[in-house]
Protein backbone atom coordinates (compact mmCIF):
# COMPACT_ATOMS: atom_id res chain seq x y z
CA MET A 1 -0.01 0.00 0.01
CA LEU A 2 2.72 2.49 0.91
CA ASP A 3 4.76 1.42 -2.09
CA ASP A 4 1.84 2.37 -4.35
CA HIS A 5 2.16 5.94 -3.03
CA GLY A 6 5.92 6.23 -3.58
CA VAL A 7 6.96 5.33 -0.03
CA PRO A 8 9.33 2.33 -0.21
CA THR A 9 8.92 -0.42 2.34
CA VAL A 10 11.65 -2.89 3.23
CA SER A 11 12.17 -5.62 5.79
CA ILE A 12 15.27 -7.43 7.06
CA THR A 13 15.35 -11.21 6.98
CA GLN A 14 17.65 -13.84 8.36
CA VAL A 15 15.71 -16.75 6.81
CA PRO A 16 15.00 -16.00 3.14
CA GLU A 17 13.11 -19.28 2.66
CA ILE A 18 10.44 -18.18 5.11
CA THR A 19 10.43 -14.61 3.79
CA GLU A 20 9.68 -15.92 0.29
CA LEU A 21 6.44 -17.38 1.66
CA ALA A 22 5.36 -14.03 3.12
CA LYS A 23 6.04 -12.21 -0.17
CA PRO A 24 7.02 -8.78 1.21
CA SER A 25 7.50 -5.97 -1.30
CA LEU A 26 11.25 -5.94 -0.64
CA SER A 27 13.43 -7.72 1.87
CA CYS A 28 17.14 -7.60 2.67
CA PHE A 29 18.97 -10.74 3.74
CA VAL A 30 21.57 -10.38 6.50
CA ALA A 31 23.44 -13.56 7.50
CA HIS A 32 23.72 -12.72 11.17
CA PRO A 33 22.39 -14.76 14.12
CA PHE A 34 18.97 -14.10 15.61
CA GLY A 35 19.04 -11.24 18.10
CA LEU A 36 22.05 -9.69 16.42
CA THR A 37 20.48 -8.82 13.07
CA LEU A 38 22.30 -5.51 12.69
CA GLY A 39 25.60 -6.70 14.14
CA ASN A 40 27.31 -7.62 17.35
CA ILE A 41 26.68 -5.76 20.60
CA ASP A 42 28.57 -2.44 20.60
CA ASP A 43 29.64 -2.90 16.94
CA LYS A 44 28.28 0.45 15.85
CA ASP A 45 30.19 0.42 12.54
CA THR A 46 28.53 -2.79 11.34
CA GLN A 47 25.13 -1.78 12.71
CA ARG A 48 25.33 1.49 10.81
CA ALA A 49 26.58 -0.24 7.65
CA VAL A 50 23.66 -2.70 7.69
CA LEU A 51 21.11 0.07 8.14
CA LEU A 52 22.65 2.19 5.37
CA ALA A 53 22.65 -0.84 3.04
CA VAL A 54 18.96 -1.48 3.83
CA PHE A 55 18.10 2.17 3.10
CA GLU A 56 20.04 1.99 -0.16
CA ALA A 57 18.16 -1.19 -1.15
CA ALA A 58 14.85 0.50 -0.34
CA TYR A 59 15.52 3.09 -3.03
CA SER A 60 17.01 0.66 -5.56
CA ASP A 61 15.31 -0.61 -8.68
CA ALA A 62 14.88 -4.09 -7.24
CA PRO A 63 11.59 -5.56 -8.46
CA ALA A 64 8.74 -6.13 -6.02
CA GLY A 65 9.11 -9.37 -4.11
CA SER A 66 12.91 -9.31 -4.26
CA ILE A 67 15.13 -10.57 -1.50
CA VAL A 68 18.42 -8.70 -1.71
CA ASP A 69 21.49 -10.31 -0.18
CA LEU A 70 23.34 -7.43 1.45
CA GLY A 71 26.54 -9.48 1.70
CA PHE A 72 26.95 -9.30 5.47
CA ALA A 73 28.22 -12.50 7.07
CA TRP A 74 28.82 -13.38 10.71
CA GLU A 75 32.54 -13.66 11.42
CA LEU A 76 32.59 -14.94 15.00
CA ASP A 77 32.78 -18.68 15.63
CA ASP A 78 31.32 -18.69 19.15
CA LEU A 79 28.62 -16.30 20.35
CA ARG A 80 29.54 -17.00 23.97
CA GLU A 81 32.91 -15.26 23.69
């Protein structure tokens, strides 16, 4: 509805297979663990980078229903460290 009026909508997903079923207008895939979608605690640089990439995707020419892989990957081996 908002998209029809020129206001882009975008969501962030960590499980693209489920997102495909919901068919959002545009979704951005971030390969981070649940609870740390934007990045690790106190990692302001990554958090900011993810948000800026999502905003950029919102204004891209990606067709409706797209899931855009933003290219972020989790680097830590153990979340308990």
